Protein backbone atom coordinates (compact mmCIF):
# COMPACT_ATOMS: atom_id res chain seq x y z
CA MET A 1 -206.43 29.79 -97.39
CA ARG A 2 -205.57 32.65 -95.04
CA LYS A 3 -204.17 30.18 -92.50
CA ILE A 4 -201.84 28.68 -95.13
CA ILE A 5 -200.53 32.13 -96.19
CA PHE A 6 -200.05 33.13 -92.54
CA ALA A 7 -198.17 29.86 -91.80
CA LEU A 8 -195.88 30.38 -94.84
CA LEU A 9 -195.16 33.94 -93.74
CA ILE A 10 -194.15 32.79 -90.23
CA ILE A 11 -191.90 30.04 -91.65
CA GLY A 12 -190.25 32.56 -93.97
CA LEU A 13 -189.56 35.01 -91.15
CA LEU A 14 -188.08 32.26 -88.96
CA GLY A 15 -185.85 31.22 -91.87
CA LEU A 16 -184.53 34.75 -92.28
CA ALA A 17 -183.80 35.04 -88.56
CA GLY A 18 -181.65 31.92 -88.75
CA CYS A 19 -179.42 33.20 -91.59
CA GLN A 20 -175.91 34.19 -90.58
CA ARG A 21 -172.78 35.17 -92.44
CA SER A 22 -169.60 33.55 -91.19
CA GLU A 23 -167.19 36.11 -92.66
CA SER A 24 -167.37 39.50 -94.30
CA PRO A 25 -166.17 39.97 -97.89
CA GLY A 26 -162.63 41.26 -98.38
CA PRO A 27 -161.58 44.52 -100.05
CA GLY A 28 -161.53 42.86 -103.46
CA ASP A 29 -165.29 42.18 -103.35
CA MET A 30 -166.99 45.09 -105.10
CA PHE A 31 -170.26 44.19 -103.37
CA GLY A 32 -168.62 44.18 -99.93
CA PRO A 33 -169.42 46.48 -97.04
CA SER A 34 -168.88 50.22 -97.32
CA SER A 35 -166.50 50.07 -94.35
CA THR A 36 -163.72 48.94 -96.70
CA ALA A 37 -164.35 51.71 -99.25
CA TYR A 38 -161.66 54.08 -100.46
CA VAL A 39 -162.72 57.72 -100.89
CA ILE A 40 -161.23 60.79 -102.57
CA ASP A 41 -162.57 64.19 -101.53
CA LEU A 42 -161.51 66.70 -104.20
CA THR A 43 -161.81 70.43 -103.55
CA ALA A 44 -161.06 73.39 -105.82
CA HIS A 45 -160.33 76.83 -104.37
CA PRO A 46 -161.45 79.19 -105.75
CA SER A 47 -164.13 77.39 -107.76
CA VAL A 48 -164.82 80.41 -110.01
CA VAL A 49 -161.98 82.13 -111.92
CA GLN A 50 -161.50 84.36 -114.94
CA ALA A 51 -159.93 83.09 -118.14
CA ILE A 52 -156.38 84.26 -118.75
CA ASP A 53 -156.30 87.65 -120.47
CA PRO A 54 -152.91 89.42 -120.64
CA LEU A 55 -154.57 92.84 -120.97
CA ARG A 56 -157.00 92.46 -118.08
CA ASN A 57 -155.37 90.06 -115.60
CA PRO A 58 -151.66 89.63 -116.31
CA ALA A 59 -151.28 87.56 -113.14
CA ASN A 60 -152.54 84.05 -113.78
CA SER A 61 -155.84 83.06 -112.25
CA GLU A 62 -155.00 79.90 -110.37
CA VAL A 63 -157.02 77.18 -108.64
CA ILE A 64 -155.58 75.06 -105.84
CA LEU A 65 -156.78 71.46 -106.06
CA LYS A 66 -156.61 69.26 -102.98
CA ALA A 67 -157.46 65.57 -103.13
CA ARG A 68 -157.75 63.78 -99.79
CA LEU A 69 -157.49 59.99 -100.09
CA TYR A 70 -158.62 57.81 -97.21
CA ARG A 71 -159.96 54.40 -96.45
CA TYR A 72 -163.28 54.52 -94.66
CA ASP A 73 -162.22 52.18 -91.84
CA LYS A 74 -158.51 53.15 -91.53
CA GLY A 75 -158.23 56.88 -92.21
CA PRO A 76 -155.86 58.83 -94.54
CA LEU A 77 -153.52 57.03 -96.93
CA ALA A 78 -150.03 58.54 -97.24
CA ARG A 79 -147.52 58.12 -100.07
CA ARG A 80 -150.11 57.25 -102.74
CA THR A 81 -150.05 58.70 -106.27
CA ILE A 82 -153.09 60.75 -107.29
CA TYR A 83 -153.71 61.71 -110.94
CA PHE A 84 -155.42 65.04 -111.67
CA TYR A 85 -156.92 65.61 -115.13
CA VAL A 86 -159.66 67.50 -116.99
CA ASP A 87 -162.44 65.01 -117.62
CA ASP A 88 -164.81 67.25 -119.59
CA VAL A 89 -165.80 70.84 -120.43
CA ASP A 90 -169.40 72.04 -120.45
CA PRO A 91 -169.69 75.16 -122.65
CA HIS A 92 -173.34 75.92 -121.73
CA PHE A 93 -174.04 76.59 -125.40
CA ILE A 94 -177.35 76.05 -127.20
CA PRO A 95 -176.99 75.90 -131.02
CA PRO A 96 -179.02 78.51 -132.94
CA SER A 97 -180.47 75.70 -135.10
CA GLU A 98 -181.44 72.14 -134.22
CA LYS A 99 -179.73 70.98 -137.43
CA TRP A 100 -176.34 72.33 -136.38
CA THR A 101 -173.70 70.17 -134.71
CA CYS A 102 -171.60 72.15 -132.25
CA GLU A 103 -168.58 71.25 -130.14
CA TYR A 104 -166.18 72.96 -127.80
CA ILE A 105 -162.82 73.40 -129.52
CA GLY A 106 -161.16 75.68 -126.99
CA GLY A 107 -158.48 75.11 -124.42
CA TYR A 108 -158.67 72.98 -121.30
CA GLY A 109 -156.15 74.85 -119.17
CA TYR A 110 -152.96 73.60 -117.52
CA PHE A 111 -151.81 71.82 -114.40
CA ASN A 112 -148.85 73.08 -112.37
CA GLY A 113 -148.17 75.82 -114.92
CA ASP A 114 -147.34 73.81 -118.05
CA GLN A 115 -148.91 70.33 -117.98
CA PRO A 116 -151.74 70.36 -120.55
CA LYS A 117 -153.42 67.00 -119.93
CA SER A 118 -152.78 65.69 -116.45
CA VAL A 119 -150.42 65.80 -113.52
CA ARG A 120 -149.71 63.47 -110.63
CA ALA A 121 -148.95 64.20 -107.01
CA THR A 122 -148.20 62.12 -103.92
CA THR A 123 -150.35 62.22 -100.81
CA ASN A 124 -148.77 63.55 -97.61
CA SER A 125 -149.16 62.11 -94.10
CA ASN A 126 -152.74 63.49 -93.99
CA GLY A 127 -153.60 61.71 -97.26
CA VAL A 128 -153.72 65.01 -99.21
CA ALA A 129 -152.24 65.52 -102.70
CA THR A 130 -152.10 69.05 -104.12
CA ALA A 131 -151.98 70.43 -107.67
CA ARG A 132 -152.47 73.83 -109.30
CA TYR A 133 -154.87 74.41 -112.21
CA THR A 134 -154.65 77.39 -114.57
CA PRO A 135 -157.72 78.09 -116.77
CA PRO A 136 -157.48 78.52 -120.55
CA SER A 137 -156.94 81.83 -122.31
CA VAL A 138 -159.95 84.07 -122.96
CA ARG A 139 -159.40 83.60 -126.72
CA ASP A 140 -159.70 79.81 -126.26
CA LEU A 141 -163.32 79.90 -125.02
CA VAL A 142 -164.75 78.94 -128.42
CA VAL A 143 -167.43 76.67 -129.85
CA MET A 144 -167.44 75.54 -133.50
CA CYS A 145 -170.73 74.72 -135.21
CA ASP A 146 -171.13 72.73 -138.42
CA THR A 147 -174.16 74.24 -140.19
CA GLY A 148 -174.60 71.23 -142.46
CA GLU A 149 -174.34 73.53 -145.47
CA LYS A 150 -171.58 73.87 -148.06
CA ASP A 151 -170.08 76.84 -149.88
CA ASP A 152 -169.73 77.20 -153.67
CA LEU A 153 -166.61 75.02 -153.67
CA GLY A 154 -168.27 72.24 -151.69
CA ASN A 155 -166.51 73.00 -148.41
CA PRO A 156 -168.52 72.70 -145.19
CA ILE A 157 -169.59 75.98 -143.60
CA TYR A 158 -168.56 76.40 -139.96
CA VAL A 159 -169.60 79.14 -137.57
CA TYR A 160 -167.57 80.04 -134.46
CA TYR A 161 -168.93 81.50 -131.23
CA LYS A 162 -167.13 83.07 -128.29
CA LEU A 163 -168.34 81.81 -124.92
CA ASP A 164 -169.08 83.81 -121.80
CA SER A 165 -168.15 80.91 -119.51
CA ILE A 166 -167.38 77.21 -119.33
CA ASP A 167 -167.52 74.61 -116.56
CA VAL A 168 -164.38 72.50 -116.32
CA LEU A 169 -164.88 69.09 -114.70
CA ILE A 170 -161.66 67.99 -112.98
CA LYS A 171 -161.11 64.47 -111.67
CA ALA A 172 -158.59 63.10 -109.20
CA THR A 173 -158.12 59.33 -109.42
CA TRP A 174 -156.31 56.55 -107.59
CA ARG A 175 -156.18 52.84 -108.21
CA GLY A 176 -155.02 50.59 -105.39
CA GLN A 177 -152.35 47.93 -105.83
CA GLU A 178 -154.83 45.12 -105.21
CA TRP A 179 -157.01 46.05 -108.19
CA PRO A 180 -156.32 44.88 -111.75
CA GLU A 181 -155.78 47.56 -114.39
CA ASP A 182 -159.19 47.14 -116.05
CA SER A 183 -161.28 46.67 -112.91
CA LEU A 184 -164.25 48.83 -111.92
CA SER A 185 -162.66 49.65 -108.57
CA GLU A 186 -161.07 52.97 -109.52
CA THR A 187 -161.51 55.56 -106.78
CA TYR A 188 -162.06 59.15 -107.89
CA GLY A 189 -163.20 62.56 -106.75
CA MET A 190 -164.66 65.35 -108.91
CA ALA A 191 -164.73 69.13 -108.73
CA VAL A 192 -166.17 71.75 -111.09
CA VAL A 193 -164.31 75.00 -111.85
CA LYS A 194 -166.31 77.75 -113.57
CA VAL A 195 -164.17 79.84 -115.95
CA LEU A 196 -165.54 83.27 -116.87
CA ARG A 197 -164.55 85.32 -119.91
């Protein structure tokens, strides 16, 4: 029995040694080699800022976002459109009761001074696109909790909490011309900006 298993193992190894691939998959193959991958490196400087407070810091706290787009095997990609947007906010808040449902209802900040949702920028010759991010106002760092209870008139009772800080997750995305709109081949980079009260 051992001789049969040993013989099968040798035949299997010889079969693997004889396998060859005649051509590598193209860029459209999502299971292709990493050498055709597109990458976005997103940086945020500074990564910790204070929320806007006219009494304390009249000058806006501002974050410079830089997204560098490149193809692994060819280097930086110039003249490509990068989209910057806030993907999520983590309020670091634990509800006082397990029965409560809480959600962040505050602001998300702005791009380039006045763009509330997203902004786009074009990469330069080094493959870098730049945008500015301004954090929300100190009065906008708020969580609302539904207690699950109702008042005498039957209205739900909500409780509001001011937050000491939030983490803002910012994404920079690019989709190449060769990819269909609903494909899984979207390239993105992420950066976290901590906003302090």
